Structures are given as C-alpha cells and as structure tokens.
C-alpha atoms as a PDB file:
ATOM      1  CA  UNK A   1      -6.454 -11.302  41.500  1.00  0.00           C
ATOM      2  CA  UNK A   2      -5.707 -12.081  37.694  1.00  0.00           C
ATOM      3  CA  UNK A   3      -6.443  -9.240  35.217  1.00  0.00           C
ATOM      4  CA  UNK A   4      -8.360 -10.394  32.235  1.00  0.00           C
ATOM      5  CA  UNK A   5      -6.506  -9.980  28.770  1.00  0.00           C
ATOM      6  CA  UNK A   6      -8.386  -7.742  26.606  1.00  0.00           C
ATOM      7  CA  UNK A   7      -8.909  -8.800  22.969  1.00  0.00           C
ATOM      8  CA  UNK A   8      -7.511  -6.071  20.675  1.00  0.00           C
ATOM      9  CA  UNK A   9      -9.597  -4.884  17.537  1.00  0.00           C
ATOM     10  CA  UNK A  10      -6.700  -4.300  15.312  1.00  0.00           C
ATOM     11  CA  UNK A  11      -3.395  -5.900  14.814  1.00  0.00           C
ATOM     12  CA  UNK A  12      -0.401  -5.779  12.261  1.00  0.00           C
ATOM     13  CA  UNK A  13       1.841  -8.064  10.463  1.00  0.00           C
ATOM     14  CA  UNK A  14       5.567  -8.145  10.697  1.00  0.00           C
ATOM     15  CA  UNK A  15       5.843  -6.946   7.056  1.00  0.00           C
ATOM     16  CA  UNK A  16       3.557  -4.036   7.742  1.00  0.00           C
ATOM     17  CA  UNK A  17       5.403  -3.091  10.869  1.00  0.00           C
ATOM     18  CA  UNK A  18       8.762  -3.012   8.902  1.00  0.00           C
ATOM     19  CA  UNK A  19       7.151  -0.503   6.259  1.00  0.00           C
ATOM     20  CA  UNK A  20       5.888   1.761   9.319  1.00  0.00           C
ATOM     21  CA  UNK A  21       9.379   1.624  10.630  1.00  0.00           C
ATOM     22  CA  UNK A  22      10.623   2.955   7.208  1.00  0.00           C
ATOM     23  CA  UNK A  23       8.026   5.500   6.772  1.00  0.00           C
ATOM     24  CA  UNK A  24       8.553   6.785  10.482  1.00  0.00           C
ATOM     25  CA  UNK A  25      12.214   7.267   9.822  1.00  0.00           C
ATOM     26  CA  UNK A  26      11.469   9.514   6.980  1.00  0.00           C
ATOM     27  CA  UNK A  27       8.188  11.154   8.040  1.00  0.00           C
ATOM     28  CA  UNK A  28       8.128  11.046  12.087  1.00  0.00           C
ATOM     29  CA  UNK A  29       5.050  10.055  13.995  1.00  0.00           C
ATOM     30  CA  UNK A  30       2.332   8.252  12.088  1.00  0.00           C
ATOM     31  CA  UNK A  31      -1.309   7.489  12.332  1.00  0.00           C
ATOM     32  CA  UNK A  32      -3.952   5.219  10.496  1.00  0.00           C
ATOM     33  CA  UNK A  33      -7.500   5.897   9.201  1.00  0.00           C
ATOM     34  CA  UNK A  34      -9.551   3.151   7.796  1.00  0.00           C
ATOM     35  CA  UNK A  35     -10.863   4.585   4.332  1.00  0.00           C
ATOM     36  CA  UNK A  36     -14.685   4.272   4.001  1.00  0.00           C
ATOM     37  CA  UNK A  37     -14.513   3.816   0.346  1.00  0.00           C
ATOM     38  CA  UNK A  38     -13.234   7.039  -1.088  1.00  0.00           C
ATOM     39  CA  UNK A  39     -10.212   7.101  -3.435  1.00  0.00           C
ATOM     40  CA  UNK A  40      -8.703   3.685  -2.597  1.00  0.00           C
ATOM     41  CA  UNK A  41     -11.887   1.666  -1.573  1.00  0.00           C
ATOM     42  CA  UNK A  42     -11.801   0.475   2.017  1.00  0.00           C
ATOM     43  CA  UNK A  43      -7.751   0.623   2.245  1.00  0.00           C
ATOM     44  CA  UNK A  44      -5.991   1.636   5.705  1.00  0.00           C
ATOM     45  CA  UNK A  45      -4.360   5.138   5.086  1.00  0.00           C
ATOM     46  CA  UNK A  46      -1.288   5.984   6.915  1.00  0.00           C
ATOM     47  CA  UNK A  47      -0.673   9.726   7.441  1.00  0.00           C
ATOM     48  CA  UNK A  48       1.934  11.929   9.373  1.00  0.00           C
ATOM     49  CA  UNK A  49       0.202  12.871  12.739  1.00  0.00           C
ATOM     50  CA  UNK A  50      -1.494  16.086  12.009  1.00  0.00           C
ATOM     51  CA  UNK A  51      -1.665  15.736   8.272  1.00  0.00           C
ATOM     52  CA  UNK A  52      -5.287  13.974   8.581  1.00  0.00           C
ATOM     53  CA  UNK A  53      -7.888  15.606  10.728  1.00  0.00           C
ATOM     54  CA  UNK A  54      -9.521  13.093  13.078  1.00  0.00           C
ATOM     55  CA  UNK A  55     -13.302  14.035  13.073  1.00  0.00           C
ATOM     56  CA  UNK A  56     -15.333  14.196  16.596  1.00  0.00           C
ATOM     57  CA  UNK A  57     -17.279  11.100  15.176  1.00  0.00           C
ATOM     58  CA  UNK A  58     -14.130   9.145  14.474  1.00  0.00           C
ATOM     59  CA  UNK A  59     -13.545   6.109  16.649  1.00  0.00           C
ATOM     60  CA  UNK A  60      -9.919   5.069  17.729  1.00  0.00           C
ATOM     61  CA  UNK A  61      -9.782   1.215  17.468  1.00  0.00           C
ATOM     62  CA  UNK A  62      -6.419   0.946  19.033  1.00  0.00           C
ATOM     63  CA  UNK A  63      -2.855   1.084  18.293  1.00  0.00           C
ATOM     64  CA  UNK A  64      -0.693  -0.779  15.772  1.00  0.00           C
ATOM     65  CA  UNK A  65       3.005  -0.562  16.079  1.00  0.00           C
ATOM     66  CA  UNK A  66       2.816   2.739  17.801  1.00  0.00           C
ATOM     67  CA  UNK A  67       0.302   4.404  15.482  1.00  0.00           C
ATOM     68  CA  UNK A  68      -3.320   5.182  16.569  1.00  0.00           C
ATOM     69  CA  UNK A  69      -5.664   3.453  14.023  1.00  0.00           C
ATOM     70  CA  UNK A  70      -8.992   5.300  13.415  1.00  0.00           C
ATOM     71  CA  UNK A  71     -12.317   4.551  11.445  1.00  0.00           C
ATOM     72  CA  UNK A  72     -15.502   6.804  11.051  1.00  0.00           C
ATOM     73  CA  UNK A  73     -18.126   5.917  13.631  1.00  0.00           C
ATOM     74  CA  UNK A  74     -20.667   4.962  10.968  1.00  0.00           C
ATOM     75  CA  UNK A  75     -18.470   2.488   9.239  1.00  0.00           C
ATOM     76  CA  UNK A  76     -17.541   1.241  12.684  1.00  0.00           C
ATOM     77  CA  UNK A  77     -21.090   0.074  13.154  1.00  0.00           C
ATOM     78  CA  UNK A  78     -20.596  -2.411  10.177  1.00  0.00           C
ATOM     79  CA  UNK A  79     -17.019  -3.531  11.382  1.00  0.00           C
ATOM     80  CA  UNK A  80     -17.662  -3.697  15.285  1.00  0.00           C
ATOM     81  CA  UNK A  81     -17.553  -7.437  15.459  1.00  0.00           C
ATOM     82  CA  UNK A  82     -14.610  -7.724  13.247  1.00  0.00           C
ATOM     83  CA  UNK A  83     -10.835  -8.100  13.933  1.00  0.00           C
ATOM     84  CA  UNK A  84      -8.722  -6.040  11.547  1.00  0.00           C
ATOM     85  CA  UNK A  85      -5.070  -7.214  10.769  1.00  0.00           C
ATOM     86  CA  UNK A  86      -3.212  -4.477   8.604  1.00  0.00           C
ATOM     87  CA  UNK A  87      -0.917  -6.026   6.009  1.00  0.00           C
ATOM     88  CA  UNK A  88       1.125  -4.723   3.111  1.00  0.00           C
ATOM     89  CA  UNK A  89       1.397  -5.787  -0.527  1.00  0.00           C
ATOM     90  CA  UNK A  90       3.087  -4.761  -3.636  1.00  0.00           C
ATOM     91  CA  UNK A  91       1.188  -2.743  -5.962  1.00  0.00           C
ATOM     92  CA  UNK A  92       0.273   0.801  -6.130  1.00  0.00           C
ATOM     93  CA  UNK A  93      -2.902   1.995  -4.520  1.00  0.00           C
ATOM     94  CA  UNK A  94      -4.918   5.099  -5.240  1.00  0.00           C
ATOM     95  CA  UNK A  95      -4.908   6.821  -2.027  1.00  0.00           C
ATOM     96  CA  UNK A  96      -3.089   9.425  -0.331  1.00  0.00           C
ATOM     97  CA  UNK A  97      -1.295   7.052   2.082  1.00  0.00           C
ATOM     98  CA  UNK A  98       2.348   7.467   2.675  1.00  0.00           C
ATOM     99  CA  UNK A  99       3.504   3.910   1.461  1.00  0.00           C
ATOM    100  CA  UNK A 100       2.132   4.565  -2.133  1.00  0.00           C
ATOM    101  CA  UNK A 101       5.458   5.947  -3.504  1.00  0.00           C
ATOM    102  CA  UNK A 102       7.183   2.845  -2.272  1.00  0.00           C
ATOM    103  CA  UNK A 103       5.270   0.720  -4.652  1.00  0.00           C
ATOM    104  CA  UNK A 104       3.521  -0.773  -1.699  1.00  0.00           C
ATOM    105  CA  UNK A 105      -0.131  -0.495  -0.215  1.00  0.00           C
ATOM    106  CA  UNK A 106      -1.461  -1.358   2.999  1.00  0.00           C
ATOM    107  CA  UNK A 107      -4.623  -3.590   3.202  1.00  0.00           C
ATOM    108  CA  UNK A 108      -7.022  -4.687   5.782  1.00  0.00           C
ATOM    109  CA  UNK A 109      -7.626  -8.391   6.370  1.00  0.00           C
ATOM    110  CA  UNK A 110     -10.611  -9.186   8.476  1.00  0.00           C
ATOM    111  CA  UNK A 111     -12.421 -11.920  10.339  1.00  0.00           C
ATOM    112  CA  UNK A 112     -15.481 -12.014  12.832  1.00  0.00           C
ATOM    113  CA  UNK A 113     -14.505 -12.072  16.546  1.00  0.00           C
ATOM    114  CA  UNK A 114     -15.313 -15.416  18.370  1.00  0.00           C
ATOM    115  CA  UNK A 115     -17.902 -15.349  21.105  1.00  0.00           C
ATOM    116  CA  UNK A 116     -14.832 -15.306  23.695  1.00  0.00           C
ATOM    117  CA  UNK A 117     -13.164 -12.423  22.060  1.00  0.00           C
ATOM    118  CA  UNK A 118     -16.609 -10.447  21.869  1.00  0.00           C
ATOM    119  CA  UNK A 119     -16.871 -10.937  25.714  1.00  0.00           C
ATOM    120  CA  UNK A 120     -13.310  -9.415  26.273  1.00  0.00           C
ATOM    121  CA  UNK A 121     -13.182  -6.598  23.766  1.00  0.00           C
ATOM    122  CA  UNK A 122     -11.167  -3.511  24.425  1.00  0.00           C
ATOM    123  CA  UNK A 123     -13.488  -0.575  24.405  1.00  0.00           C
ATOM    124  CA  UNK A 124     -13.544   1.936  22.077  1.00  0.00           C
END
C-alpha cells in the first residue's frame, strides 16, 4: 500500500534557507512565528528557540529548514486555506527578527491551496 504524500502548509526558498544557515551558525537553534500585525505588519519573525514564548493558542504549521513555524490560532483561521512560502529580501524591517541587522527581512508569499492540496493537507 502506498502512503499518500501530505501537502505542507509552509515552505521556504533557497535564499531564505541560506540566511537561516547564517543565523543558526551565530545564534543556535531557531524558530519562526508569523506576526499578526504588530511591529512589522504580517512578517514572519525568526527567533532563537526559547526567546519567543509560544502560547497555548499558537498553531504549529510545520517546519522550514529545521525551524518550527507558528502562527496565532485566530490568525490561522484566516490563513488556513493558504500555502505560505518564506522568502527573504533586502531592506530593513521594523521587527525583532534576527535577520534585521543583516539588512534583510523575511517575507511571506502566499497562495490559495488547490482542491487536491486541501484534500491532502498535513494536520496542525
């Protein structure tokens, strides 16, 4: 019997993965939390594991390049049918995310899941 491939809710570009490697070398293990509008709009924010307290209502969407990726449950209700891709661009964001001193900022690209993807989504 063949096991069905689950659709991931979050992915990462190779450029963003390279930045994570650089940050991990300096800071150790990392995690992400998708900001809900405070500070830097709705930017994904990268923290050292333990520096951001994940709440009981946060949802883990998956893992990107070895980093757990979270979002608040109420925000997830709006984004639950959306695939997220984390990328990076030049420019200074206004958040507490670790990449800011590098003159970079992570950003979230989104698209709606197809019907087939929705049928195969990895549970949260």
